[in-house]
Amino acid sequence: MPWTLPSRPSRRSLLAGTAGTAGAALLSGCSVGRATDAALTIPLERRMRESAVRDSTRLLERYDATAAAHPALSARLAPLRAAVAAHTAALSLTPSAPPSPSRSGGTGAAAPAASGEPVPPAPAEALTALADAERSLSESRTIDLAGAPGELARLLASVAACGAVHAYLLTSNPGATS
């Protein structure tokens, strides 16, 4: 007669399984209720803020490289860059003054941005590249909202919305009437 599996576990196997699980929990030092929600969200929030600050800093460097390569765009870029600097400061864990633009002599040539990508030589293309960077960062921040703690999520949502507006402003034709 072939052996078949019992339809339900025996009392002995249930007791052994429960004892094994309890023993493993004790040996691993696991304790229920010891970690609070605040203790769990602080490291996550710190990582998310540090990443957001790095991304904003790279975007600031792109603004600086674009303004250096195309000095005629500096006045148009200045208020947008100032907003990105304010976002960087707001996202930072330590209060500090927003980074000021670096003033390297612009030659109009394809100056490399901080990301290593060259600034396009044509002003319109440079604005489009900057708008693409703003749009990409805005989309990334929108995705990050799902895992962000409450207050940081609200801040990321505001910064993402502002980035989407920046992308629009960079690709719109200033002074044109419609």
Protein backbone atom coordinates (compact mmCIF):
# COMPACT_ATOMS: atom_id res chain seq x y z
CA MET A 1 0.00 0.00 0.00
CA PRO A 2 1.50 3.40 -1.00
CA TRP A 3 2.02 6.09 1.60
CA THR A 4 -0.19 9.21 1.30
CA LEU A 5 0.07 12.57 2.92
CA PRO A 6 -2.38 13.14 5.77
CA SER A 7 -5.18 15.60 4.93
CA ARG A 8 -4.21 17.84 7.86
CA PRO A 9 -1.07 18.25 9.95
CA SER A 10 -0.74 16.25 13.13
CA ARG A 11 -0.84 17.84 16.55
CA ARG A 12 2.80 16.93 17.07
CA SER A 13 3.92 18.71 13.85
CA LEU A 14 1.95 21.84 14.76
CA LEU A 15 3.53 21.97 18.21
CA ALA A 16 7.00 21.42 16.78
CA GLY A 17 6.47 24.16 14.18
CA THR A 18 5.20 26.63 16.77
CA ALA A 19 8.08 25.88 19.11
CA GLY A 20 10.57 26.27 16.26
CA THR A 21 9.12 29.62 15.22
CA ALA A 22 9.11 30.93 18.80
CA GLY A 23 12.69 29.77 19.29
CA ALA A 24 13.83 31.43 16.08
CA ALA A 25 12.17 34.70 17.12
CA LEU A 26 13.88 34.59 20.51
CA LEU A 27 17.28 33.77 19.04
CA SER A 28 17.06 36.53 16.43
CA GLY A 29 16.28 39.13 19.08
CA CYS A 30 13.00 39.98 17.40
CA SER A 31 10.60 41.86 19.59
CA VAL A 32 7.18 42.97 18.56
CA GLY A 33 6.24 46.58 19.20
CA ARG A 34 9.75 47.83 20.01
CA ALA A 35 10.26 49.88 16.86
CA THR A 36 7.95 52.84 16.44
CA ASP A 37 6.67 54.23 13.18
CA ALA A 38 8.75 57.39 13.66
CA ALA A 39 11.94 55.35 14.06
CA LEU A 40 11.18 53.50 10.84
CA THR A 41 10.40 56.61 8.76
CA ILE A 42 13.39 58.72 9.80
CA PRO A 43 15.98 56.72 7.86
CA LEU A 44 13.68 56.50 4.83
CA GLU A 45 12.97 60.22 4.91
CA ARG A 46 16.67 60.99 5.31
CA ARG A 47 17.56 58.85 2.29
CA MET A 48 14.78 60.38 0.21
CA ARG A 49 15.77 63.93 1.16
CA GLU A 50 19.46 63.31 0.43
CA SER A 51 18.59 61.87 -2.97
CA ALA A 52 16.28 64.81 -3.75
CA VAL A 53 18.98 67.30 -2.75
CA ARG A 54 21.53 65.53 -4.99
CA ASP A 55 19.08 65.64 -7.91
CA SER A 56 18.30 69.32 -7.32
CA THR A 57 22.00 70.14 -7.07
CA ARG A 58 22.63 68.44 -10.42
CA LEU A 59 19.76 70.46 -11.91
CA LEU A 60 21.27 73.67 -10.52
CA GLU A 61 24.57 72.74 -12.16
CA ARG A 62 22.73 72.25 -15.46
CA TYR A 63 21.21 75.73 -15.12
CA ASP A 64 24.67 77.15 -14.42
CA ALA A 65 26.24 75.36 -17.37
CA THR A 66 23.45 76.50 -19.69
CA ALA A 67 23.76 80.13 -18.52
CA ALA A 68 27.55 79.95 -18.93
CA ALA A 69 27.27 78.54 -22.44
CA HIS A 70 24.50 80.97 -23.43
CA PRO A 71 24.88 84.26 -21.52
CA ALA A 72 21.92 85.75 -23.43
CA LEU A 73 19.65 83.23 -21.63
CA SER A 74 20.87 84.18 -18.15
CA ALA A 75 18.06 86.65 -17.43
CA ARG A 76 15.42 84.14 -18.53
CA LEU A 77 16.97 81.33 -16.48
CA ALA A 78 17.67 83.34 -13.30
CA PRO A 79 14.19 83.14 -11.69
CA LEU A 80 13.85 79.43 -12.52
CA ARG A 81 17.30 78.71 -11.15
CA ALA A 82 16.48 80.66 -7.99
CA ALA A 83 13.38 78.51 -7.48
CA VAL A 84 15.43 75.31 -7.90
CA ALA A 85 17.95 76.66 -5.36
CA ALA A 86 15.08 77.33 -2.94
CA HIS A 87 13.81 73.77 -3.49
CA THR A 88 17.27 72.43 -2.74
CA ALA A 89 17.38 74.37 0.52
CA ALA A 90 13.85 73.25 1.48
CA LEU A 91 14.66 69.60 0.82
CA SER A 92 17.95 69.76 2.70
CA LEU A 93 18.18 68.29 6.20
CA THR A 94 20.39 71.14 7.36
CA PRO A 95 19.31 74.72 6.79
CA SER A 96 21.73 76.56 4.57
CA ALA A 97 21.81 79.37 2.08
CA PRO A 98 20.81 78.34 -1.44
CA PRO A 99 23.80 77.73 -3.71
CA SER A 100 24.73 80.74 -5.78
CA PRO A 101 25.37 80.41 -9.48
CA SER A 102 28.93 79.66 -10.47
CA ARG A 103 30.34 82.24 -12.78
CA SER A 104 32.57 80.54 -15.25
CA GLY A 105 33.28 82.39 -18.42
CA GLY A 106 30.84 81.35 -21.10
CA THR A 107 32.22 81.00 -24.58
CA GLY A 108 29.02 80.00 -26.31
CA ALA A 109 30.61 76.64 -27.07
CA ALA A 110 29.15 73.37 -25.86
CA ALA A 111 30.11 73.59 -22.19
CA PRO A 112 29.69 70.34 -20.29
CA ALA A 113 26.93 70.23 -17.71
CA ALA A 114 27.60 68.65 -14.34
CA SER A 115 26.01 65.42 -15.52
CA GLY A 116 28.70 65.18 -18.19
CA GLU A 117 26.22 65.94 -20.96
CA PRO A 118 27.27 68.89 -23.09
CA VAL A 119 25.03 71.94 -23.28
CA PRO A 120 23.69 72.10 -26.84
CA PRO A 121 25.28 74.91 -28.88
CA ALA A 122 21.95 76.38 -30.05
CA PRO A 123 20.05 78.34 -27.40
CA ALA A 124 16.68 76.78 -28.29
CA GLU A 125 18.16 73.29 -28.01
CA ALA A 126 19.79 74.21 -24.70
CA LEU A 127 16.42 75.33 -23.34
CA THR A 128 14.81 72.12 -24.56
CA ALA A 129 17.51 70.03 -22.88
CA LEU A 130 17.01 71.95 -19.63
CA ALA A 131 13.23 71.50 -19.93
CA ASP A 132 13.75 67.76 -20.44
CA ALA A 133 15.87 67.63 -17.27
CA GLU A 134 13.16 69.52 -15.34
CA ARG A 135 10.43 67.25 -16.71
CA SER A 136 12.39 64.08 -15.93
CA LEU A 137 13.08 65.19 -12.36
CA SER A 138 9.44 66.22 -11.91
CA GLU A 139 8.27 62.78 -13.05
CA SER A 140 10.78 61.06 -10.78
CA ARG A 141 9.59 63.07 -7.78
CA THR A 142 5.98 62.28 -8.60
CA ILE A 143 6.83 58.57 -8.54
CA ASP A 144 8.67 59.01 -5.21
CA LEU A 145 5.49 60.38 -3.61
CA ALA A 146 4.13 56.87 -3.11
CA GLY A 147 6.83 55.92 -0.62
CA ALA A 148 7.43 59.27 1.05
CA PRO A 149 6.35 60.11 4.60
CA GLY A 150 3.54 62.71 4.86
CA GLU A 151 5.31 66.06 5.12
CA LEU A 152 8.04 65.07 2.65
CA ALA A 153 5.40 63.80 0.22
CA ARG A 154 3.68 67.20 0.28
CA LEU A 155 6.99 68.95 -0.32
CA LEU A 156 7.93 66.59 -3.17
CA ALA A 157 4.50 67.13 -4.75
CA SER A 158 4.97 70.90 -4.67
CA VAL A 159 8.49 70.70 -6.06
CA ALA A 160 7.38 68.26 -8.79
CA ALA A 161 4.56 70.62 -9.81
CA CYS A 162 6.99 73.53 -9.93
CA GLY A 163 9.37 71.48 -12.08
CA ALA A 164 6.55 70.76 -14.53
CA VAL A 165 5.83 74.49 -14.75
CA HIS A 166 9.54 75.17 -15.30
CA ALA A 167 9.55 72.67 -18.19
CA TYR A 168 6.61 74.49 -19.73
CA LEU A 169 8.18 77.92 -19.27
CA LEU A 170 11.47 76.76 -20.76
CA THR A 171 9.80 75.49 -23.92
CA SER A 172 7.17 78.24 -24.32
CA ASN A 173 7.83 81.24 -26.51
CA PRO A 174 8.16 84.24 -24.19
CA GLY A 175 6.40 87.37 -25.38
CA ALA A 176 4.30 85.47 -27.91
CA THR A 177 0.57 86.11 -27.83
CA SER A 178 -1.92 83.43 -28.54
